[in-house]
Amino acid sequence: MQEIELKFLVPESRLKGLMRQANIKSSQLTRLAAHYYDTPDQQLAKAGIGLRIRQEGDAWVQTIKAGGDGIAARLEHNAVLDNQQVQAMLEADTLMPDLGIYKDTAIAAALESFKLTKLAKTLNRLYVTDVERITRMLVDNNDNECSNQIEMAYDYGEIIHGSDTSQRYTIQEIEFELISGDVDFLFTTAKTWCQRHKLCLSTVTKAERGGLLITGQQHSPAVSANLSALTVDKDSSRPAFIRAVVHNCLLQILPNSSAIVAGSTDNEHVLQLHDGIQRLRTALKVFGSFSDELNPDWSTILKQTTTLLTDYRKLAYLASHIEPYLQEHDAPSVDWTVEIEALKITPIEAVRANNLQLTLLELIAFTMSDPNLEPQADKRAAHKLRKVLNKRYKKLLKAERKFHEARNAKVDSKDLDSTSLENVNLEGVNLENTDSQSLQAQAVDLPVKGEKQAQYKLYRQLEKLRYVSEFAAPLINNEKFKNNKLNSKKSKKKSKRFLKRLVKAQQALGQQRAITYYQQCYQHRAGTDFNAWYGAGWLNASLINANKKTEKCLAKLKSVDKFW
């Protein structure tokens, strides 16, 4: 069967109010003692599979979860075990799952890559959970055609290391699982509780938390974009295509936002969340005509979030990467702590914001809605995508022409003190090609105001064309040569070559803009801290190589054939 549920973390400040709603007379309290199994190197976890034996009241149930959409839906198989056999194995400390029960079941496909007999011999109990669960049924009988039922479950307890009971994680979360009826009722209910109690979405399962406990980690690694998970085919309709794209963006956004709301201060989580939201914003804008169900408020809230994340991300990168690098090359120390602490909004506050959490819920609901019910369900996406790509490519050429015109213009005033904190890409700032002697021998004119604006517009056009091309390439390649495998292979190579040069051009210009921004930070700071002059000079000199690299990458991009 397929399990559809939404999981949330509960802020401590909202716990009392939530408990009043959860722990009513009809609620049930159950103690859940679960044993989780995997190989020593966690092969099941790496395959997205969770395997447990759990005591649920008086019964013992073996459960395996796997697959699904990566967000709210997963395959689940439950088997009630013989109590006497379980008790005997517990007393002998030999309790192990029976993998034989999964033959000829819907879950069998998820285990195809494993040899079950061999897997059974290598399984260990890695961790256990000791949880008290309060459950309450939420019912809507207004629909005459079906009964909408949701099980609300509030879990509080611990995950305990299987061989070292001193290592524990606290669990405090609430889940909403659709038992029967319309999935819309699930999201409507979840939004009400989310708004009332300021809940925060989490994609981290108990199995994943247990795996982190075993490896001594607090949070899972940051998740980058995974375009191989974008499922579209040559016949995809426009509504189906935009849903697939939004879903792909959420696969990057939700794991990183989950880590941040759980307390991660890792800059990589912030970077990847920012990147995922930028991809989503581009999709909603460029493919806005593909669906009648897109809410324009989503883009507004996502833009607010990226602005807040950008302010923190740039200063955090400055302190954690740029400054240490300069000090490794004998630069005097410059402390940026005051600037970081002066920020009014931190990433955890930006991501926990209720309007963002509600937006994420609505976006998940959108991806799970039926595209065939839309007016454009009979219109294929491929033809429209070519028009979109042509439009974006023309805008890129226009932006590049204006950028070079601005660079060549003779402007006397240098707007060096006005440093914008918005829309600066920080990916991969690389100073390796700058030696210390160049500080004295080389310099480059920083961009004037008009050039900075043209540079920013060019960067945005590169970014948009990149994301649109990445989304569109799989569908166009499949549709263009659907009956000729040889030409299809050539088409994929062509799109790969175009995307490679497009990405390099975007990253080169992004690096140039980032170095310019940091140079201005150090130059501005030099007015009150003499030590900052070294960084200002070094970064100024490094712009020579950055400028050359950008020009080279832009020229290569213009020379490559379009794939559509």
Protein backbone atom coordinates (compact mmCIF):
# COMPACT_ATOMS: atom_id res chain seq x y z
CA MET A 1 0.00 0.00 0.00
CA GLN A 2 1.03 3.64 -0.39
CA GLU A 3 1.33 5.74 2.73
CA ILE A 4 0.64 9.47 2.33
CA GLU A 5 1.66 11.52 5.34
CA LEU A 6 3.06 14.91 6.29
CA LYS A 7 5.52 15.27 9.16
CA PHE A 8 6.22 18.44 11.16
CA LEU A 9 8.57 19.53 13.91
CA VAL A 10 6.88 21.20 16.87
CA PRO A 11 8.37 24.45 18.23
CA GLU A 12 8.79 24.27 22.02
CA SER A 13 6.87 27.51 22.46
CA ARG A 14 3.80 26.01 20.75
CA LEU A 15 3.81 22.61 22.45
CA LYS A 16 1.25 23.37 25.19
CA GLY A 17 -1.30 24.71 22.73
CA LEU A 18 -0.80 21.78 20.39
CA MET A 19 -1.19 19.26 23.24
CA ARG A 20 -4.57 20.76 24.14
CA GLN A 21 -5.71 20.02 20.58
CA ALA A 22 -4.09 16.59 20.33
CA ASN A 23 -4.77 15.09 23.76
CA ILE A 24 -8.57 15.11 23.94
CA LYS A 25 -10.93 12.50 25.45
CA SER A 26 -11.15 10.45 22.25
CA SER A 27 -7.36 10.38 21.79
CA GLN A 28 -5.35 7.25 22.43
CA LEU A 29 -1.95 6.96 24.10
CA THR A 30 0.29 4.15 22.87
CA ARG A 31 3.86 3.26 23.74
CA LEU A 32 5.85 2.36 20.64
CA ALA A 33 9.04 0.37 21.15
CA ALA A 34 10.69 -0.18 17.78
CA HIS A 35 13.82 -2.04 16.67
CA TYR A 36 15.39 -0.79 13.42
CA TYR A 37 17.53 -3.02 11.23
CA ASP A 38 20.11 -2.47 8.53
CA THR A 39 23.49 -3.76 7.38
CA PRO A 40 26.56 -2.36 9.21
CA ASP A 41 27.23 -0.02 6.27
CA GLN A 42 23.51 0.94 6.07
CA GLN A 43 22.79 -0.42 2.59
CA LEU A 44 19.05 -0.23 3.16
CA ALA A 45 19.19 3.40 4.27
CA LYS A 46 21.26 4.29 1.21
CA ALA A 47 18.53 2.73 -0.94
CA GLY A 48 15.84 4.77 0.86
CA ILE A 49 14.48 1.75 2.74
CA GLY A 50 13.51 1.57 6.41
CA LEU A 51 12.98 -1.79 8.15
CA ARG A 52 11.67 -2.18 11.70
CA ILE A 53 9.86 -4.42 14.18
CA ARG A 54 7.67 -2.35 16.49
CA GLN A 55 5.45 -3.02 19.44
CA GLU A 56 2.17 -1.22 18.87
CA GLY A 57 0.07 -1.68 22.00
CA ASP A 58 -0.32 -5.44 22.43
CA ALA A 59 0.79 -6.32 18.90
CA TRP A 60 4.21 -6.63 17.25
CA VAL A 61 4.35 -5.40 13.64
CA GLN A 62 7.12 -5.76 11.07
CA THR A 63 7.16 -2.75 8.73
CA ILE A 64 9.17 -1.86 5.67
CA LYS A 65 8.98 1.53 3.94
CA ALA A 66 10.52 2.36 0.58
CA GLY A 67 10.23 4.34 -2.63
CA GLY A 68 7.46 6.87 -3.04
CA ASP A 69 7.70 10.39 -4.39
CA GLY A 70 10.47 11.47 -2.03
CA ILE A 71 8.22 14.00 -0.31
CA ALA A 72 4.92 12.81 1.16
CA ALA A 73 4.18 9.38 -0.32
CA ARG A 74 5.99 6.10 0.36
CA LEU A 75 5.37 2.41 -0.19
CA GLU A 76 4.65 0.65 3.09
CA HIS A 77 4.12 -3.00 4.00
CA ASN A 78 2.98 -4.08 7.48
CA ALA A 79 2.86 -7.64 8.81
CA VAL A 80 1.54 -8.57 12.26
CA LEU A 81 3.89 -11.06 13.94
CA ASP A 82 3.20 -13.89 16.33
CA ASN A 83 3.46 -12.47 19.86
CA GLN A 84 4.79 -15.65 21.45
CA GLN A 85 7.55 -16.01 18.87
CA VAL A 86 8.54 -12.39 19.28
CA GLN A 87 8.65 -12.68 23.09
CA ALA A 88 10.81 -15.82 22.84
CA MET A 89 13.25 -14.05 20.48
CA LEU A 90 13.35 -10.99 22.74
CA GLU A 91 14.26 -13.13 25.73
CA ALA A 92 17.02 -14.81 23.72
CA ASP A 93 18.07 -11.46 22.19
CA THR A 94 17.60 -12.91 18.70
CA LEU A 95 14.76 -10.75 17.38
CA MET A 96 15.28 -10.33 13.61
CA PRO A 97 12.94 -9.48 10.72
CA ASP A 98 11.65 -12.12 8.32
CA LEU A 99 12.45 -10.96 4.78
CA GLY A 100 10.67 -13.92 3.21
CA ILE A 101 7.28 -12.29 3.71
CA TYR A 102 8.06 -9.73 0.99
CA LYS A 103 8.03 -12.17 -1.92
CA ASP A 104 5.15 -11.49 -4.31
CA THR A 105 4.25 -8.19 -2.60
CA ALA A 106 4.21 -4.60 -3.91
CA ILE A 107 7.38 -3.90 -1.92
CA ALA A 108 9.36 -6.66 -3.68
CA ALA A 109 10.50 -4.32 -6.46
CA ALA A 110 12.29 -2.09 -3.94
CA LEU A 111 14.32 -5.10 -2.78
CA GLU A 112 15.26 -6.40 -6.25
CA SER A 113 18.86 -5.21 -5.98
CA PHE A 114 19.35 -7.21 -2.77
CA LYS A 115 19.80 -10.95 -2.41
CA LEU A 116 17.36 -11.49 0.43
CA THR A 117 19.07 -14.59 1.85
CA LYS A 118 22.43 -12.84 1.97
CA LEU A 119 20.86 -9.62 3.24
CA ALA A 120 19.13 -11.45 6.11
CA LYS A 121 22.48 -12.79 7.32
CA THR A 122 24.07 -9.33 7.46
CA LEU A 123 21.24 -7.45 9.19
CA ASN A 124 21.92 -5.95 12.61
CA ARG A 125 19.76 -4.04 15.05
CA LEU A 126 21.36 -0.60 14.77
CA TYR A 127 19.09 1.45 17.01
CA VAL A 128 15.79 1.40 18.87
CA THR A 129 13.10 3.99 19.51
CA ASP A 130 11.16 4.48 22.71
CA VAL A 131 8.22 6.71 21.87
CA GLU A 132 4.89 7.67 23.38
CA ARG A 133 2.33 8.37 20.66
CA ILE A 134 -0.90 10.30 21.06
CA THR A 135 -3.29 9.59 18.19
CA ARG A 136 -6.50 11.29 17.24
CA MET A 137 -8.75 10.71 14.27
CA LEU A 138 -9.76 13.78 12.28
CA VAL A 139 -12.89 13.12 10.23
CA ASP A 140 -14.82 15.10 7.62
CA ASN A 141 -18.19 13.61 6.74
CA ASN A 142 -19.37 16.53 4.62
CA ASP A 143 -18.40 14.69 1.46
CA ASN A 144 -21.34 12.42 0.62
CA GLU A 145 -19.27 10.28 -1.75
CA CYS A 146 -16.53 9.28 0.71
CA SER A 147 -15.46 9.64 4.32
CA ASN A 148 -12.31 11.72 4.74
CA GLN A 149 -10.20 10.40 7.61
CA ILE A 150 -6.79 11.48 8.86
CA GLU A 151 -4.80 10.04 11.72
CA MET A 152 -2.99 12.74 13.66
CA ALA A 153 -0.08 11.30 15.67
CA TYR A 154 2.08 13.27 18.10
CA ASP A 155 5.29 11.42 18.97
CA TYR A 156 7.54 12.19 21.90
CA GLY A 157 10.49 10.04 22.96
CA GLU A 158 14.01 9.00 22.05
CA ILE A 159 16.09 7.19 19.47
CA ILE A 160 18.71 5.08 21.26
CA HIS A 161 21.96 3.72 19.82
CA GLY A 162 21.80 -0.08 19.51
CA SER A 163 25.13 -0.74 21.23
CA ASP A 164 25.69 2.44 23.27
CA THR A 165 22.59 3.54 25.17
CA SER A 166 24.27 6.79 26.23
CA GLN A 167 23.88 8.06 22.65
CA ARG A 168 20.33 9.35 22.12
CA TYR A 169 18.27 11.75 20.03
CA THR A 170 15.04 13.35 21.24
CA ILE A 171 11.95 12.97 19.05
CA GLN A 172 9.22 15.60 19.14
CA GLU A 173 7.10 15.62 15.99
CA ILE A 174 3.58 15.44 14.69
CA GLU A 175 2.35 13.49 11.66
CA PHE A 176 -0.83 13.63 9.60
CA GLU A 177 -1.54 10.45 7.64
CA LEU A 178 -4.38 10.06 5.15
CA ILE A 179 -6.37 6.98 6.12
CA SER A 180 -9.18 7.36 3.59
CA GLY A 181 -10.76 9.92 1.33
CA ASP A 182 -9.44 12.88 -0.64
CA VAL A 183 -5.81 13.98 -0.37
CA ASP A 184 -7.05 17.60 -0.42
CA PHE A 185 -8.49 17.04 3.06
CA LEU A 186 -5.02 16.03 4.27
CA PHE A 187 -3.45 19.26 3.06
CA THR A 188 -6.31 21.48 4.22
CA THR A 189 -6.08 19.97 7.71
CA ALA A 190 -2.29 20.15 7.81
CA LYS A 191 -2.36 23.82 6.77
CA THR A 192 -4.82 24.64 9.57
CA TRP A 193 -2.62 23.01 12.21
CA CYS A 194 0.54 24.47 10.68
CA GLN A 195 -0.87 27.98 10.78
CA ARG A 196 -2.29 27.64 14.28
CA HIS A 197 0.78 26.06 15.91
CA LYS A 198 3.58 27.37 13.65
CA LEU A 199 4.65 23.86 12.65
CA CYS A 200 7.65 23.26 10.38
CA LEU A 201 7.73 20.64 7.65
CA SER A 202 10.30 17.87 8.01
CA THR A 203 11.22 15.10 5.57
CA VAL A 204 13.52 13.39 8.08
CA THR A 205 12.19 9.96 9.04
CA LYS A 206 12.90 8.15 12.29
CA ALA A 207 15.01 5.70 10.28
CA GLU A 208 17.06 8.58 8.92
CA ARG A 209 17.50 10.05 12.41
CA GLY A 210 18.66 6.66 13.63
CA GLY A 211 21.19 6.46 10.81
CA LEU A 212 22.53 9.87 11.78
CA LEU A 213 22.86 8.73 15.39
CA ILE A 214 24.91 5.71 14.28
CA THR A 215 27.28 7.90 12.25
CA GLY A 216 27.51 10.61 14.91
CA GLN A 217 25.90 13.31 12.77
CA GLN A 218 23.29 15.87 13.79
CA HIS A 219 21.92 16.48 10.31
CA SER A 220 21.98 14.81 6.90
CA PRO A 221 24.35 16.31 4.31
CA ALA A 222 23.05 19.14 2.15
CA VAL A 223 21.11 18.02 -0.92
CA SER A 224 21.88 19.50 -4.34
CA ALA A 225 19.72 19.45 -7.47
CA ASN A 226 19.16 15.97 -8.91
CA LEU A 227 17.95 16.29 -12.49
CA SER A 228 18.03 12.52 -12.96
CA ALA A 229 14.97 12.43 -10.67
CA LEU A 230 13.00 14.66 -13.08
CA THR A 231 10.40 12.30 -14.54
CA VAL A 232 9.00 13.59 -17.84
CA ASP A 233 8.38 11.86 -21.15
CA LYS A 234 7.92 12.96 -24.74
CA ASP A 235 4.13 13.11 -24.40
CA SER A 236 4.01 15.09 -21.13
CA SER A 237 1.26 17.67 -21.07
CA ARG A 238 1.99 21.21 -19.94
CA PRO A 239 0.25 20.74 -16.55
CA ALA A 240 2.10 17.43 -16.00
CA PHE A 241 5.44 18.98 -16.96
CA ILE A 242 5.23 21.92 -14.55
CA ARG A 243 4.21 19.54 -11.73
CA ALA A 244 7.24 17.36 -12.44
CA VAL A 245 9.51 20.41 -12.41
CA VAL A 246 8.10 21.76 -9.13
CA HIS A 247 8.44 18.29 -7.59
CA ASN A 248 12.09 18.13 -8.68
CA CYS A 249 12.78 21.51 -7.06
CA LEU A 250 11.10 20.41 -3.83
CA LEU A 251 13.38 17.36 -3.70
CA GLN A 252 16.21 19.85 -3.22
CA ILE A 253 14.36 22.40 -1.09
CA LEU A 254 12.69 20.22 1.54
CA PRO A 255 15.68 18.20 2.86
CA ASN A 256 17.72 21.39 3.27
CA SER A 257 14.89 23.37 4.85
CA SER A 258 14.23 20.40 7.18
CA ALA A 259 17.85 20.48 8.36
CA ILE A 260 17.74 24.24 8.94
CA VAL A 261 14.50 24.23 10.97
CA ALA A 262 16.00 21.38 13.04
CA GLY A 263 18.91 23.64 13.96
CA SER A 264 21.58 23.19 11.28
CA THR A 265 23.92 26.16 10.86
CA ASP A 266 25.81 24.53 7.99
CA ASN A 267 26.30 27.11 5.23
CA GLU A 268 25.94 24.35 2.64
CA HIS A 269 22.32 23.75 3.69
CA VAL A 270 21.64 27.46 3.24
CA LEU A 271 23.40 27.50 -0.14
CA GLN A 272 21.51 24.50 -1.50
CA LEU A 273 18.17 25.74 -0.15
CA HIS A 274 18.78 29.09 -1.83
CA ASP A 275 19.69 27.34 -5.09
CA GLY A 276 16.58 25.16 -4.94
CA ILE A 277 14.30 28.13 -4.37
CA GLN A 278 15.93 30.02 -7.24
CA ARG A 279 15.29 27.05 -9.54
CA LEU A 280 11.67 26.95 -8.36
CA ARG A 281 11.16 30.70 -8.80
CA THR A 282 12.48 30.46 -12.36
CA ALA A 283 10.15 27.56 -13.15
CA LEU A 284 7.08 29.31 -11.74
CA LYS A 285 7.84 32.45 -13.75
CA VAL A 286 8.91 30.94 -17.08
CA PHE A 287 6.36 28.11 -17.10
CA GLY A 288 3.60 30.14 -15.48
CA SER A 289 1.26 29.61 -18.43
CA PHE A 290 1.52 25.82 -18.21
CA SER A 291 -1.03 25.51 -15.40
CA ASP A 292 -4.10 27.36 -14.17
CA GLU A 293 -3.47 26.24 -10.59
CA LEU A 294 -0.27 28.19 -9.90
CA ASN A 295 -0.67 30.73 -7.12
CA PRO A 296 1.13 34.06 -7.80
CA ASP A 297 1.64 34.52 -4.04
CA TRP A 298 4.09 31.60 -4.05
CA SER A 299 6.65 33.57 -6.04
CA THR A 300 6.34 36.60 -3.75
CA ILE A 301 6.99 34.58 -0.60
CA LEU A 302 9.83 32.61 -2.19
CA LYS A 303 11.50 35.85 -3.27
CA GLN A 304 11.28 37.22 0.28
CA THR A 305 12.92 34.06 1.60
CA THR A 306 15.81 34.12 -0.89
CA THR A 307 16.50 37.77 -0.04
CA LEU A 308 16.75 36.93 3.67
CA LEU A 309 18.93 33.90 2.99
CA THR A 310 21.20 35.88 0.65
CA ASP A 311 22.06 38.49 3.28
CA TYR A 312 23.19 35.84 5.75
CA ARG A 313 24.80 33.54 3.19
CA LYS A 314 27.13 36.18 1.76
CA LEU A 315 28.46 37.36 5.10
CA ALA A 316 28.75 33.79 6.40
CA TYR A 317 30.77 32.82 3.30
CA LEU A 318 32.94 35.88 3.75
CA ALA A 319 33.77 34.88 7.33
CA SER A 320 34.07 31.12 6.78
CA HIS A 321 35.86 31.00 3.39
CA ILE A 322 37.23 34.30 2.11
CA GLU A 323 38.79 35.55 5.34
CA PRO A 324 40.49 32.21 6.27
CA TYR A 325 41.85 31.92 2.73
CA LEU A 326 43.37 35.39 2.90
CA GLN A 327 44.90 34.63 6.29
CA GLU A 328 46.51 31.49 4.85
CA HIS A 329 48.30 33.86 2.45
CA ASP A 330 49.65 36.08 5.23
CA ALA A 331 46.81 38.62 5.30
CA PRO A 332 46.20 40.33 8.66
CA SER A 333 43.00 39.28 10.42
CA VAL A 334 39.68 41.06 9.83
CA ASP A 335 36.79 40.11 12.15
CA TRP A 336 33.32 40.04 10.54
CA THR A 337 31.42 38.85 13.62
CA VAL A 338 29.73 42.19 14.26
CA GLU A 339 28.33 42.35 10.72
CA ILE A 340 26.93 38.82 10.94
CA GLU A 341 25.38 39.37 14.37
CA ALA A 342 23.80 42.60 13.13
CA LEU A 343 21.61 40.71 10.68
CA LYS A 344 18.00 40.89 11.84
CA ILE A 345 16.93 37.54 10.37
CA THR A 346 18.90 34.28 10.54
CA PRO A 347 18.28 31.32 8.19
CA ILE A 348 16.37 29.34 10.83
CA GLU A 349 14.02 32.28 11.38
CA ALA A 350 13.56 32.80 7.63
CA VAL A 351 12.78 29.13 7.01
CA ARG A 352 10.54 28.70 10.05
CA ALA A 353 8.41 31.64 8.91
CA ASN A 354 4.82 30.46 8.74
CA ASN A 355 4.12 31.95 5.32
CA LEU A 356 6.99 29.93 3.81
CA GLN A 357 5.89 26.71 5.51
CA LEU A 358 2.33 27.17 4.23
CA THR A 359 3.67 27.88 0.74
CA LEU A 360 5.72 24.68 0.79
CA LEU A 361 2.61 22.75 1.81
CA GLU A 362 0.63 24.24 -1.07
CA LEU A 363 3.43 23.41 -3.51
CA ILE A 364 3.49 19.78 -2.34
CA ALA A 365 -0.29 19.63 -2.76
CA PHE A 366 0.08 21.06 -6.27
CA THR A 367 2.53 18.33 -7.30
CA MET A 368 0.13 15.64 -6.04
CA SER A 369 -2.93 17.07 -7.80
CA ASP A 370 -4.19 15.54 -11.03
CA PRO A 371 -2.86 17.35 -14.14
CA ASN A 372 -5.51 15.67 -16.30
CA LEU A 373 -8.23 17.81 -14.72
CA GLU A 374 -6.75 21.03 -16.11
CA PRO A 375 -7.95 22.75 -19.32
CA GLN A 376 -4.50 22.35 -20.91
CA ALA A 377 -4.29 18.61 -20.23
CA ASP A 378 -4.44 17.91 -23.97
CA LYS A 379 -1.59 20.29 -24.85
CA ARG A 380 1.88 18.80 -25.04
CA ALA A 381 4.74 20.66 -23.41
CA ALA A 382 7.53 20.00 -25.96
CA HIS A 383 6.42 22.47 -28.65
CA LYS A 384 5.88 25.25 -26.13
CA LEU A 385 9.27 24.55 -24.52
CA ARG A 386 11.10 25.35 -27.77
CA LYS A 387 9.40 28.74 -27.91
CA VAL A 388 10.33 29.39 -24.29
CA LEU A 389 13.98 28.44 -24.92
CA ASN A 390 14.20 30.64 -28.03
CA LYS A 391 12.80 33.58 -26.07
CA ARG A 392 15.24 33.07 -23.21
CA TYR A 393 18.19 32.71 -25.60
CA LYS A 394 17.34 35.99 -27.35
CA LYS A 395 17.10 37.75 -23.98
CA LEU A 396 20.51 36.35 -23.06
CA LEU A 397 22.12 37.69 -26.26
CA LYS A 398 20.52 41.09 -25.67
CA ALA A 399 21.76 41.17 -22.06
CA GLU A 400 25.28 40.20 -23.16
CA ARG A 401 25.33 42.97 -25.78
CA LYS A 402 24.23 45.58 -23.23
CA PHE A 403 26.80 44.28 -20.75
CA HIS A 404 29.64 44.83 -23.23
CA GLU A 405 28.27 48.24 -24.17
CA ALA A 406 28.28 49.24 -20.51
CA ARG A 407 31.82 47.95 -20.04
CA ASN A 408 33.08 49.89 -23.03
CA ALA A 409 31.37 53.12 -22.03
CA LYS A 410 33.61 55.86 -20.65
CA VAL A 411 32.20 56.67 -17.24
CA ASP A 412 34.15 58.74 -14.75
CA SER A 413 32.23 58.10 -11.54
CA LYS A 414 32.96 54.78 -9.79
CA ASP A 415 30.17 53.69 -7.49
CA LEU A 416 32.40 51.68 -5.16
CA ASP A 417 30.66 52.34 -1.87
CA SER A 418 27.14 51.23 -2.77
CA THR A 419 27.25 47.48 -2.17
CA SER A 420 23.98 45.67 -2.78
CA LEU A 421 23.28 42.75 -0.48
CA GLU A 422 20.89 41.12 -2.95
CA ASN A 423 21.26 38.80 -5.90
CA VAL A 424 24.96 37.93 -5.62
CA ASN A 425 25.93 34.35 -6.46
CA LEU A 426 28.57 32.93 -4.12
CA GLU A 427 29.21 29.54 -5.66
CA GLY A 428 32.83 28.52 -5.92
CA VAL A 429 34.73 31.76 -5.31
CA ASN A 430 38.24 30.64 -6.32
CA LEU A 431 41.27 32.77 -5.58
CA GLU A 432 43.90 30.14 -6.43
CA ASN A 433 45.11 31.93 -9.57
CA THR A 434 46.14 35.07 -7.68
CA ASP A 435 49.66 35.31 -6.25
CA SER A 436 50.76 37.80 -3.60
CA GLN A 437 53.04 39.75 -5.97
CA SER A 438 50.07 40.64 -8.15
CA LEU A 439 48.72 42.81 -5.34
CA GLN A 440 51.42 45.35 -6.03
CA ALA A 441 51.75 44.92 -9.78
CA GLN A 442 48.18 44.48 -10.97
CA ALA A 443 44.82 46.17 -10.62
CA VAL A 444 41.50 46.22 -12.40
CA ASP A 445 38.83 48.87 -12.59
CA LEU A 446 35.79 47.81 -10.59
CA PRO A 447 32.45 48.09 -12.39
CA VAL A 448 30.62 51.38 -12.35
CA LYS A 449 26.94 51.54 -11.51
CA GLY A 450 25.65 51.05 -15.06
CA GLU A 451 28.01 48.16 -15.67
CA LYS A 452 26.99 46.50 -12.39
CA GLN A 453 23.33 46.64 -13.41
CA ALA A 454 24.09 45.20 -16.85
CA GLN A 455 26.27 42.53 -15.27
CA TYR A 456 23.50 41.53 -12.90
CA LYS A 457 20.93 41.33 -15.73
CA LEU A 458 23.29 39.17 -17.76
CA TYR A 459 23.84 36.87 -14.81
CA ARG A 460 20.10 36.49 -14.26
CA GLN A 461 19.56 35.64 -17.95
CA LEU A 462 22.31 33.02 -17.77
CA GLU A 463 20.76 31.57 -14.64
CA LYS A 464 17.25 31.45 -16.11
CA LEU A 465 18.39 29.90 -19.38
CA ARG A 466 20.40 27.32 -17.45
CA TYR A 467 17.48 26.20 -15.28
CA VAL A 468 14.99 26.21 -18.15
CA SER A 469 17.41 24.21 -20.33
CA GLU A 470 18.01 21.67 -17.56
CA PHE A 471 14.27 21.19 -17.09
CA ALA A 472 13.49 21.04 -20.81
CA ALA A 473 16.39 18.94 -22.16
CA PRO A 474 15.09 15.49 -21.10
CA LEU A 475 11.69 16.04 -22.70
CA ILE A 476 13.02 17.61 -25.90
CA ASN A 477 15.64 14.89 -26.37
CA ASN A 478 13.01 12.17 -25.93
CA GLU A 479 10.49 13.86 -28.20
CA LYS A 480 12.80 15.04 -30.97
CA PHE A 481 14.09 11.64 -32.03
CA LYS A 482 11.60 9.27 -30.46
CA ASN A 483 11.94 6.69 -33.25
CA ASN A 484 15.69 6.93 -33.88
CA LYS A 485 17.99 5.81 -31.08
CA LEU A 486 21.18 6.92 -32.86
CA ASN A 487 19.95 10.47 -33.44
CA SER A 488 18.52 10.54 -29.93
CA LYS A 489 21.97 9.75 -28.56
CA LYS A 490 23.49 12.54 -30.65
CA SER A 491 20.80 14.93 -29.43
CA LYS A 492 21.62 14.14 -25.80
CA LYS A 493 25.32 14.82 -26.43
CA LYS A 494 24.39 18.11 -28.07
CA SER A 495 22.27 19.23 -25.12
CA LYS A 496 24.98 18.08 -22.69
CA ARG A 497 27.59 20.17 -24.52
CA PHE A 498 25.34 23.25 -24.55
CA LEU A 499 24.48 22.91 -20.86
CA LYS A 500 28.12 22.41 -19.91
CA ARG A 501 29.13 25.68 -21.54
CA LEU A 502 26.07 27.48 -20.19
CA VAL A 503 26.82 26.37 -16.63
CA LYS A 504 30.48 27.40 -16.96
CA ALA A 505 29.50 30.85 -18.22
CA GLN A 506 27.02 31.34 -15.38
CA GLN A 507 29.51 30.19 -12.75
CA ALA A 508 32.31 32.34 -14.19
CA LEU A 509 30.22 35.50 -14.14
CA GLY A 510 28.85 34.56 -10.70
CA GLN A 511 32.40 34.21 -9.40
CA GLN A 512 33.37 37.55 -10.91
CA ARG A 513 30.40 39.28 -9.29
CA ALA A 514 31.11 37.63 -5.94
CA ILE A 515 34.77 38.68 -5.94
CA THR A 516 33.68 42.23 -6.82
CA TYR A 517 31.23 42.23 -3.92
CA TYR A 518 33.81 40.97 -1.44
CA GLN A 519 36.41 43.44 -2.70
CA GLN A 520 33.96 46.24 -1.97
CA CYS A 521 33.25 44.78 1.50
CA TYR A 522 36.96 44.88 2.37
CA GLN A 523 37.44 48.31 0.79
CA HIS A 524 34.52 49.73 2.77
CA ARG A 525 35.84 48.11 5.96
CA ALA A 526 39.30 49.58 5.32
CA GLY A 527 37.88 52.97 6.27
CA THR A 528 37.83 51.83 9.92
CA ASP A 529 40.19 48.83 9.90
CA PHE A 530 43.59 49.20 8.22
CA ASN A 531 43.98 45.40 8.07
CA ALA A 532 41.22 45.22 5.46
CA TRP A 533 43.39 46.92 2.82
CA TYR A 534 45.23 43.66 2.15
CA GLY A 535 42.02 41.82 1.32
CA ALA A 536 40.76 44.71 -0.80
CA GLY A 537 43.97 44.71 -2.86
CA TRP A 538 44.13 40.94 -3.22
CA LEU A 539 40.55 40.63 -4.37
CA ASN A 540 40.95 43.57 -6.73
CA ALA A 541 43.93 41.87 -8.37
CA SER A 542 42.12 38.53 -8.62
CA LEU A 543 39.42 40.18 -10.75
CA ILE A 544 41.79 40.25 -13.74
CA ASN A 545 41.69 36.47 -14.10
CA ALA A 546 37.97 36.41 -13.26
CA ASN A 547 37.20 38.92 -16.04
CA LYS A 548 39.22 36.95 -18.58
CA LYS A 549 37.54 33.70 -17.60
CA THR A 550 34.06 35.23 -17.95
CA GLU A 551 34.81 36.58 -21.44
CA LYS A 552 36.21 33.23 -22.53
CA CYS A 553 33.21 31.28 -21.22
CA LEU A 554 30.70 33.69 -22.80
CA ALA A 555 32.45 33.39 -26.17
CA LYS A 556 32.39 29.58 -26.00
CA LEU A 557 28.70 29.62 -25.11
CA LYS A 558 27.84 31.77 -28.13
CA SER A 559 29.77 29.43 -30.43
CA VAL A 560 28.03 26.21 -29.38
CA ASP A 561 24.91 24.97 -31.20
CA LYS A 562 21.56 25.15 -29.45
CA PHE A 563 20.08 21.74 -28.62
CA TRP A 564 16.49 22.58 -29.40
